[in-house]
Amino acid sequence: MKRKFLETVMIVTISVAAGWNVYQSENKIILSELGLANVEALANWEWIPGGNPPPLGTIGKQERCKLELGGGMFTSSVEYICYEQYVCPSCTCTPVPCGVVF
């Protein structure tokens, strides 16, 4: 009786561990909305015979400034960085360096 109980516990434990690993691996594949939109824009362009890729636009993103003092230290200052993307060809961006008000 004790052996059957231990076998059942082992099977349940292995099943739970396998299920947990599958669940964790499914959650790791996450792309940003911008990344997915860029992939979709490029995929739409690929199916146009002899077509040119859509023009690039730029979008901005705020990032924290890093002050280099040996080990690297983040400050409360932010900068505005521009990234090229295909989703909005008419979008423009003006980069703003650290320490400048925007």
N, C-alpha and C. Protein backbone atom coordinates (compact mmCIF):
# COMPACT_ATOMS: atom_id res chain seq x y z
N MET A 1 0.82 -1.19 0.00
CA MET A 1 0.00 0.00 0.00
C MET A 1 0.87 1.26 0.00
N LYS A 2 1.93 1.21 0.81
CA LYS A 2 2.81 2.37 0.91
C LYS A 2 3.53 2.61 -0.42
N ARG A 3 3.90 1.54 -1.10
CA ARG A 3 4.60 1.65 -2.38
C ARG A 3 3.70 2.30 -3.44
N LYS A 4 2.43 1.91 -3.50
CA LYS A 4 1.48 2.50 -4.46
C LYS A 4 1.33 4.00 -4.20
N PHE A 5 1.26 4.36 -2.93
CA PHE A 5 1.13 5.78 -2.58
C PHE A 5 2.36 6.57 -3.04
N LEU A 6 3.56 6.03 -2.80
CA LEU A 6 4.79 6.71 -3.22
C LEU A 6 4.88 6.82 -4.75
N GLU A 7 4.45 5.76 -5.46
CA GLU A 7 4.45 5.82 -6.92
C GLU A 7 3.51 6.91 -7.42
N THR A 8 2.35 7.01 -6.80
CA THR A 8 1.38 8.03 -7.19
C THR A 8 1.93 9.43 -6.93
N VAL A 9 2.56 9.62 -5.78
CA VAL A 9 3.16 10.92 -5.46
C VAL A 9 4.26 11.28 -6.45
N MET A 10 5.08 10.32 -6.83
CA MET A 10 6.16 10.57 -7.80
C MET A 10 5.59 10.96 -9.16
N ILE A 11 4.57 10.25 -9.61
CA ILE A 11 3.95 10.55 -10.91
C ILE A 11 3.34 11.95 -10.90
N VAL A 12 2.65 12.29 -9.83
CA VAL A 12 2.04 13.62 -9.73
C VAL A 12 3.13 14.69 -9.71
N THR A 13 4.21 14.47 -8.97
CA THR A 13 5.31 15.44 -8.89
C THR A 13 5.95 15.66 -10.25
N ILE A 14 6.22 14.58 -10.97
CA ILE A 14 6.83 14.69 -12.30
C ILE A 14 5.88 15.41 -13.26
N SER A 15 4.59 15.10 -13.19
CA SER A 15 3.61 15.76 -14.06
C SER A 15 3.53 17.25 -13.78
N VAL A 16 3.52 17.63 -12.52
CA VAL A 16 3.48 19.05 -12.15
C VAL A 16 4.73 19.76 -12.63
N ALA A 17 5.90 19.16 -12.47
CA ALA A 17 7.15 19.78 -12.92
C ALA A 17 7.16 19.95 -14.43
N ALA A 18 6.71 18.95 -15.17
CA ALA A 18 6.67 19.05 -16.63
C ALA A 18 5.69 20.13 -17.07
N GLY A 19 4.53 20.17 -16.45
CA GLY A 19 3.54 21.20 -16.78
C GLY A 19 4.05 22.60 -16.48
N TRP A 20 4.74 22.76 -15.38
CA TRP A 20 5.30 24.07 -15.01
C TRP A 20 6.33 24.52 -16.03
N ASN A 21 7.20 23.61 -16.49
CA ASN A 21 8.20 23.96 -17.50
C ASN A 21 7.56 24.39 -18.81
N VAL A 22 6.52 23.70 -19.23
CA VAL A 22 5.81 24.08 -20.47
C VAL A 22 5.19 25.46 -20.30
N TYR A 23 4.56 25.71 -19.16
CA TYR A 23 3.93 27.01 -18.88
C TYR A 23 4.96 28.13 -18.91
N GLN A 24 6.12 27.93 -18.29
CA GLN A 24 7.16 28.95 -18.26
C GLN A 24 7.71 29.23 -19.65
N SER A 25 7.92 28.22 -20.46
CA SER A 25 8.49 28.43 -21.79
C SER A 25 7.52 29.17 -22.70
N GLU A 26 6.21 28.99 -22.51
CA GLU A 26 5.23 29.72 -23.31
C GLU A 26 5.23 31.20 -22.97
N ASN A 27 5.51 31.57 -21.74
CA ASN A 27 5.47 32.96 -21.31
C ASN A 27 6.70 33.75 -21.73
N LYS A 28 7.78 33.09 -22.14
CA LYS A 28 9.01 33.80 -22.48
C LYS A 28 8.97 34.42 -23.86
N ILE A 29 8.08 33.97 -24.73
CA ILE A 29 8.03 34.47 -26.10
C ILE A 29 7.04 35.62 -26.16
N ILE A 30 7.52 36.82 -25.85
CA ILE A 30 6.68 38.00 -25.87
C ILE A 30 7.40 39.08 -26.66
N LEU A 31 6.75 39.60 -27.70
CA LEU A 31 7.32 40.69 -28.48
C LEU A 31 6.55 41.97 -28.17
N SER A 32 7.22 43.08 -28.27
CA SER A 32 6.54 44.34 -28.03
C SER A 32 5.57 44.61 -29.18
N GLU A 33 4.59 45.46 -28.93
CA GLU A 33 3.62 45.81 -29.97
C GLU A 33 4.31 46.46 -31.15
N LEU A 34 5.30 47.31 -30.88
CA LEU A 34 6.02 47.96 -31.97
C LEU A 34 6.78 46.94 -32.80
N GLY A 35 7.42 45.99 -32.16
CA GLY A 35 8.14 44.95 -32.88
C GLY A 35 7.22 44.13 -33.77
N LEU A 36 6.06 43.76 -33.23
CA LEU A 36 5.10 43.00 -34.02
C LEU A 36 4.55 43.81 -35.19
N ALA A 37 4.30 45.10 -34.96
CA ALA A 37 3.80 45.96 -36.04
C ALA A 37 4.84 46.11 -37.14
N ASN A 38 6.12 46.23 -36.76
CA ASN A 38 7.19 46.32 -37.76
C ASN A 38 7.27 45.04 -38.58
N VAL A 39 7.16 43.91 -37.93
CA VAL A 39 7.21 42.63 -38.64
C VAL A 39 6.03 42.54 -39.61
N GLU A 40 4.86 42.97 -39.17
CA GLU A 40 3.68 42.92 -40.04
C GLU A 40 3.85 43.86 -41.24
N ALA A 41 4.37 45.06 -41.02
CA ALA A 41 4.57 46.01 -42.12
C ALA A 41 5.56 45.44 -43.13
N LEU A 42 6.62 44.84 -42.67
CA LEU A 42 7.60 44.25 -43.58
C LEU A 42 7.02 43.03 -44.30
N ALA A 43 6.21 42.25 -43.62
CA ALA A 43 5.60 41.08 -44.25
C ALA A 43 4.64 41.51 -45.35
N ASN A 44 3.88 42.58 -45.12
CA ASN A 44 2.97 43.07 -46.15
C ASN A 44 3.75 43.53 -47.37
N TRP A 45 4.90 44.15 -47.18
CA TRP A 45 5.72 44.64 -48.28
C TRP A 45 6.27 43.48 -49.10
N GLU A 46 6.63 42.38 -48.46
CA GLU A 46 7.26 41.25 -49.15
C GLU A 46 6.37 40.64 -50.23
N TRP A 47 5.07 40.73 -50.07
CA TRP A 47 4.16 40.07 -51.01
C TRP A 47 3.79 40.95 -52.19
N ILE A 48 4.31 42.15 -52.27
CA ILE A 48 4.06 43.03 -53.42
C ILE A 48 5.14 42.75 -54.45
N PRO A 49 4.80 42.20 -55.62
CA PRO A 49 5.82 41.91 -56.63
C PRO A 49 6.53 43.19 -57.09
N GLY A 50 7.84 43.21 -57.00
CA GLY A 50 8.63 44.36 -57.43
C GLY A 50 8.44 45.59 -56.56
N GLY A 51 7.81 45.44 -55.41
CA GLY A 51 7.55 46.58 -54.55
C GLY A 51 8.78 47.02 -53.77
N ASN A 52 8.79 48.26 -53.40
CA ASN A 52 9.86 48.80 -52.56
C ASN A 52 9.41 48.74 -51.11
N PRO A 53 10.34 48.61 -50.19
CA PRO A 53 9.94 48.60 -48.78
C PRO A 53 9.36 49.95 -48.40
N PRO A 54 8.47 49.97 -47.42
CA PRO A 54 7.91 51.24 -46.99
C PRO A 54 9.01 52.13 -46.42
N PRO A 55 8.85 53.44 -46.51
CA PRO A 55 9.88 54.32 -45.95
C PRO A 55 9.91 54.21 -44.43
N LEU A 56 11.06 54.48 -43.88
CA LEU A 56 11.22 54.44 -42.43
C LEU A 56 10.71 55.74 -41.81
N GLY A 57 10.07 55.62 -40.69
CA GLY A 57 9.73 56.77 -39.87
C GLY A 57 10.53 56.65 -38.58
N THR A 58 10.39 57.60 -37.69
CA THR A 58 11.09 57.50 -36.41
C THR A 58 10.11 57.76 -35.28
N ILE A 59 10.30 57.07 -34.20
CA ILE A 59 9.52 57.30 -32.99
C ILE A 59 10.50 57.51 -31.84
N GLY A 60 10.04 58.15 -30.81
CA GLY A 60 10.91 58.45 -29.68
C GLY A 60 10.55 57.65 -28.45
N LYS A 61 11.54 57.49 -27.59
CA LYS A 61 11.35 56.77 -26.34
C LYS A 61 12.22 57.44 -25.27
N GLN A 62 11.65 57.63 -24.09
CA GLN A 62 12.42 58.19 -22.99
C GLN A 62 13.23 57.09 -22.33
N GLU A 63 14.49 57.39 -22.05
CA GLU A 63 15.34 56.46 -21.32
C GLU A 63 16.10 57.22 -20.25
N ARG A 64 16.39 56.54 -19.16
CA ARG A 64 17.14 57.18 -18.07
C ARG A 64 18.58 57.39 -18.48
N CYS A 65 19.14 58.50 -18.06
CA CYS A 65 20.54 58.79 -18.36
C CYS A 65 21.44 58.03 -17.39
N LYS A 66 22.60 57.66 -17.87
CA LYS A 66 23.56 56.92 -17.06
C LYS A 66 24.80 57.78 -16.89
N LEU A 67 25.17 58.01 -15.66
CA LEU A 67 26.35 58.79 -15.34
C LEU A 67 27.51 57.82 -15.11
N GLU A 68 28.56 57.95 -15.89
CA GLU A 68 29.71 57.03 -15.78
C GLU A 68 30.65 57.49 -14.66
N LEU A 69 30.64 56.75 -13.57
CA LEU A 69 31.53 57.03 -12.44
C LEU A 69 32.27 55.76 -12.03
N GLY A 70 32.72 55.00 -12.99
CA GLY A 70 33.40 53.76 -12.68
C GLY A 70 32.47 52.57 -12.79
N GLY A 71 31.50 52.46 -11.92
CA GLY A 71 30.59 51.32 -11.94
C GLY A 71 29.31 51.60 -12.69
N GLY A 72 29.10 52.85 -13.09
CA GLY A 72 27.86 53.21 -13.76
C GLY A 72 26.76 53.48 -12.75
N MET A 73 26.16 54.64 -12.84
CA MET A 73 25.13 55.04 -11.90
C MET A 73 24.02 55.72 -12.67
N PHE A 74 22.78 55.41 -12.38
CA PHE A 74 21.67 56.04 -13.07
C PHE A 74 21.26 57.30 -12.32
N THR A 75 20.85 58.30 -13.09
CA THR A 75 20.41 59.56 -12.50
C THR A 75 18.92 59.72 -12.73
N SER A 76 18.34 60.78 -12.19
CA SER A 76 16.92 61.03 -12.42
C SER A 76 16.69 61.74 -13.75
N SER A 77 17.75 62.13 -14.42
CA SER A 77 17.64 62.79 -15.72
C SER A 77 17.24 61.77 -16.79
N VAL A 78 16.53 62.23 -17.81
CA VAL A 78 16.13 61.35 -18.91
C VAL A 78 16.55 61.96 -20.24
N GLU A 79 16.68 61.11 -21.24
CA GLU A 79 16.95 61.57 -22.60
C GLU A 79 15.88 60.99 -23.51
N TYR A 80 15.70 61.61 -24.66
CA TYR A 80 14.71 61.17 -25.64
C TYR A 80 15.47 60.62 -26.82
N ILE A 81 15.36 59.31 -27.06
CA ILE A 81 16.10 58.63 -28.12
C ILE A 81 15.13 58.28 -29.24
N CYS A 82 15.58 58.43 -30.49
CA CYS A 82 14.74 58.13 -31.66
C CYS A 82 15.12 56.78 -32.24
N TYR A 83 14.11 56.02 -32.63
CA TYR A 83 14.30 54.71 -33.23
C TYR A 83 13.60 54.68 -34.59
N GLU A 84 14.25 54.04 -35.57
CA GLU A 84 13.63 53.88 -36.88
C GLU A 84 12.61 52.75 -36.80
N GLN A 85 11.49 52.92 -37.53
CA GLN A 85 10.46 51.89 -37.57
C GLN A 85 9.66 52.04 -38.85
N TYR A 86 8.97 50.97 -39.25
CA TYR A 86 8.19 50.95 -40.49
C TYR A 86 6.71 51.22 -40.28
N VAL A 87 6.24 51.23 -39.05
CA VAL A 87 4.81 51.31 -38.78
C VAL A 87 4.23 52.66 -39.20
N CYS A 88 4.93 53.72 -38.93
CA CYS A 88 4.42 55.07 -39.20
C CYS A 88 5.48 55.84 -39.98
N PRO A 89 5.48 55.73 -41.33
CA PRO A 89 6.50 56.41 -42.12
C PRO A 89 6.49 57.92 -41.97
N SER A 90 5.32 58.50 -41.64
CA SER A 90 5.25 59.95 -41.52
C SER A 90 5.63 60.45 -40.13
N CYS A 91 5.85 59.55 -39.19
CA CYS A 91 6.23 59.95 -37.83
C CYS A 91 7.66 60.47 -37.82
N THR A 92 7.88 61.50 -37.05
CA THR A 92 9.22 62.06 -36.90
C THR A 92 9.57 62.17 -35.43
N CYS A 93 10.83 62.34 -35.16
CA CYS A 93 11.31 62.41 -33.79
C CYS A 93 12.53 63.32 -33.75
N THR A 94 12.66 64.07 -32.68
CA THR A 94 13.85 64.88 -32.47
C THR A 94 14.53 64.39 -31.20
N PRO A 95 15.75 63.85 -31.30
CA PRO A 95 16.42 63.36 -30.10
C PRO A 95 16.79 64.51 -29.16
N VAL A 96 16.71 64.25 -27.88
CA VAL A 96 17.07 65.24 -26.86
C VAL A 96 18.08 64.58 -25.92
N PRO A 97 19.30 65.16 -25.78
CA PRO A 97 20.31 64.54 -24.92
C PRO A 97 19.99 64.70 -23.44
N CYS A 98 20.76 64.02 -22.62
CA CYS A 98 20.61 64.08 -21.17
C CYS A 98 20.78 65.51 -20.66
N GLY A 99 19.96 65.86 -19.69
CA GLY A 99 20.10 67.15 -19.04
C GLY A 99 19.37 68.29 -19.72
N VAL A 100 18.80 68.08 -20.90
CA VAL A 100 18.08 69.13 -21.62
C VAL A 100 16.59 68.93 -21.39
N VAL A 101 15.87 70.03 -21.14
CA VAL A 101 14.44 69.96 -20.90
C VAL A 101 13.72 69.82 -22.24
N PHE A 102 12.75 68.91 -22.29
CA PHE A 102 11.94 68.77 -23.51
C PHE A 102 10.48 68.65 -23.18
